[in-house]
Amino acid sequence: MADIAKLVEDLSQLTVMEAAELAKALEEAWGVSAAAAVAVAAPAAGGG
């Protein structure tokens, strides 16, 4: 199992462009979309 602290450290070193590329690669690899998660979470955030 990966060392979570090391993974966090490595991810913290990414530039914004690298993080965007990583997100896209993970979306493609896992067959998911981050935009869908945001759309589902948005109504709950404003439910106050």
N, C-alpha and C. Protein backbone atom coordinates (compact mmCIF):
# COMPACT_ATOMS: atom_id res chain seq x y z
N MET A 1 0.85 -1.18 0.00
CA MET A 1 0.00 0.00 0.00
C MET A 1 0.88 1.24 0.00
N ALA A 2 0.45 2.24 -0.73
CA ALA A 2 1.23 3.47 -0.85
C ALA A 2 1.27 4.22 0.47
N ASP A 3 2.36 4.89 0.71
CA ASP A 3 2.49 5.73 1.89
C ASP A 3 1.72 7.02 1.62
N ILE A 4 0.63 7.24 2.33
CA ILE A 4 -0.25 8.37 2.09
C ILE A 4 0.48 9.70 2.27
N ALA A 5 1.30 9.82 3.30
CA ALA A 5 2.02 11.07 3.54
C ALA A 5 2.95 11.39 2.37
N LYS A 6 3.61 10.37 1.82
CA LYS A 6 4.50 10.57 0.68
C LYS A 6 3.70 10.99 -0.54
N LEU A 7 2.55 10.38 -0.74
CA LEU A 7 1.68 10.74 -1.86
C LEU A 7 1.22 12.19 -1.74
N VAL A 8 0.82 12.61 -0.55
CA VAL A 8 0.41 14.00 -0.34
C VAL A 8 1.57 14.94 -0.62
N GLU A 9 2.75 14.59 -0.16
CA GLU A 9 3.94 15.41 -0.40
C GLU A 9 4.21 15.54 -1.90
N ASP A 10 4.15 14.43 -2.60
CA ASP A 10 4.40 14.44 -4.05
C ASP A 10 3.35 15.28 -4.79
N LEU A 11 2.09 15.12 -4.43
CA LEU A 11 1.03 15.88 -5.09
C LEU A 11 1.14 17.38 -4.80
N SER A 12 1.65 17.72 -3.63
CA SER A 12 1.81 19.12 -3.27
C SER A 12 2.85 19.83 -4.13
N GLN A 13 3.71 19.05 -4.76
CA GLN A 13 4.76 19.62 -5.61
C GLN A 13 4.30 19.89 -7.04
N LEU A 14 3.10 19.42 -7.40
CA LEU A 14 2.61 19.61 -8.77
C LEU A 14 2.26 21.06 -9.05
N THR A 15 2.49 21.47 -10.28
CA THR A 15 2.00 22.77 -10.72
C THR A 15 0.51 22.64 -11.00
N VAL A 16 -0.16 23.75 -11.20
CA VAL A 16 -1.59 23.72 -11.51
C VAL A 16 -1.83 22.95 -12.81
N MET A 17 -0.98 23.17 -13.79
CA MET A 17 -1.13 22.47 -15.07
C MET A 17 -0.93 20.96 -14.90
N GLU A 18 0.05 20.57 -14.10
CA GLU A 18 0.28 19.15 -13.85
C GLU A 18 -0.89 18.52 -13.11
N ALA A 19 -1.45 19.25 -12.15
CA ALA A 19 -2.61 18.75 -11.41
C ALA A 19 -3.81 18.57 -12.33
N ALA A 20 -4.00 19.50 -13.26
CA ALA A 20 -5.10 19.39 -14.22
C ALA A 20 -4.89 18.18 -15.12
N GLU A 21 -3.66 17.96 -15.56
CA GLU A 21 -3.35 16.80 -16.39
C GLU A 21 -3.59 15.50 -15.62
N LEU A 22 -3.21 15.49 -14.35
CA LEU A 22 -3.42 14.32 -13.51
C LEU A 22 -4.91 14.04 -13.35
N ALA A 23 -5.69 15.07 -13.09
CA ALA A 23 -7.13 14.90 -12.94
C ALA A 23 -7.74 14.31 -14.21
N LYS A 24 -7.32 14.83 -15.35
CA LYS A 24 -7.85 14.32 -16.62
C LYS A 24 -7.45 12.86 -16.82
N ALA A 25 -6.21 12.53 -16.52
CA ALA A 25 -5.74 11.15 -16.68
C ALA A 25 -6.50 10.20 -15.77
N LEU A 26 -6.77 10.62 -14.53
CA LEU A 26 -7.52 9.77 -13.61
C LEU A 26 -8.97 9.61 -14.06
N GLU A 27 -9.57 10.69 -14.56
CA GLU A 27 -10.93 10.60 -15.09
C GLU A 27 -11.00 9.58 -16.21
N GLU A 28 -10.04 9.63 -17.11
CA GLU A 28 -10.01 8.70 -18.24
C GLU A 28 -9.76 7.27 -17.77
N ALA A 29 -8.82 7.09 -16.86
CA ALA A 29 -8.47 5.76 -16.38
C ALA A 29 -9.61 5.11 -15.60
N TRP A 30 -10.33 5.92 -14.83
CA TRP A 30 -11.39 5.39 -13.98
C TRP A 30 -12.77 5.51 -14.60
N GLY A 31 -12.87 6.18 -15.76
CA GLY A 31 -14.16 6.33 -16.42
C GLY A 31 -15.14 7.19 -15.65
N VAL A 32 -14.62 8.24 -15.01
CA VAL A 32 -15.47 9.15 -14.22
C VAL A 32 -15.25 10.58 -14.67
N SER A 33 -16.08 11.49 -14.16
CA SER A 33 -15.92 12.91 -14.46
C SER A 33 -16.04 13.70 -13.17
N ALA A 34 -15.06 14.55 -12.89
CA ALA A 34 -15.10 15.39 -11.70
C ALA A 34 -16.23 16.40 -11.79
N ALA A 35 -16.60 16.82 -12.99
CA ALA A 35 -17.68 17.78 -13.17
C ALA A 35 -19.00 17.22 -12.65
N ALA A 36 -19.24 15.95 -12.81
CA ALA A 36 -20.47 15.34 -12.33
C ALA A 36 -20.54 15.39 -10.80
N ALA A 37 -19.44 15.17 -10.13
CA ALA A 37 -19.41 15.23 -8.67
C ALA A 37 -19.68 16.64 -8.18
N VAL A 38 -19.17 17.63 -8.86
CA VAL A 38 -19.40 19.02 -8.48
C VAL A 38 -20.87 19.37 -8.66
N ALA A 39 -21.47 18.93 -9.75
CA ALA A 39 -22.88 19.21 -10.02
C ALA A 39 -23.78 18.59 -8.96
N VAL A 40 -23.43 17.43 -8.46
CA VAL A 40 -24.23 16.77 -7.43
C VAL A 40 -24.04 17.47 -6.09
N ALA A 41 -22.84 17.90 -5.77
CA ALA A 41 -22.55 18.51 -4.48
C ALA A 41 -23.06 19.95 -4.39
N ALA A 42 -23.16 20.66 -5.48
CA ALA A 42 -23.53 22.07 -5.45
C ALA A 42 -24.90 22.32 -4.82
N PRO A 43 -25.96 21.59 -5.15
CA PRO A 43 -27.26 21.86 -4.51
C PRO A 43 -27.22 21.64 -3.01
N ALA A 44 -26.48 20.67 -2.54
CA ALA A 44 -26.39 20.41 -1.10
C ALA A 44 -25.70 21.56 -0.38
N ALA A 45 -24.75 22.19 -1.01
CA ALA A 45 -24.01 23.29 -0.38
C ALA A 45 -24.90 24.50 -0.16
N GLY A 46 -25.86 24.73 -1.02
CA GLY A 46 -26.72 25.90 -0.90
C GLY A 46 -28.01 25.64 -0.15
N GLY A 47 -28.15 24.48 0.46
CA GLY A 47 -29.40 24.10 1.08
C GLY A 47 -29.75 24.78 2.39
N GLY A 48 -28.86 25.61 2.97
CA GLY A 48 -28.93 26.28 4.22
C GLY A 48 -30.16 26.61 4.84
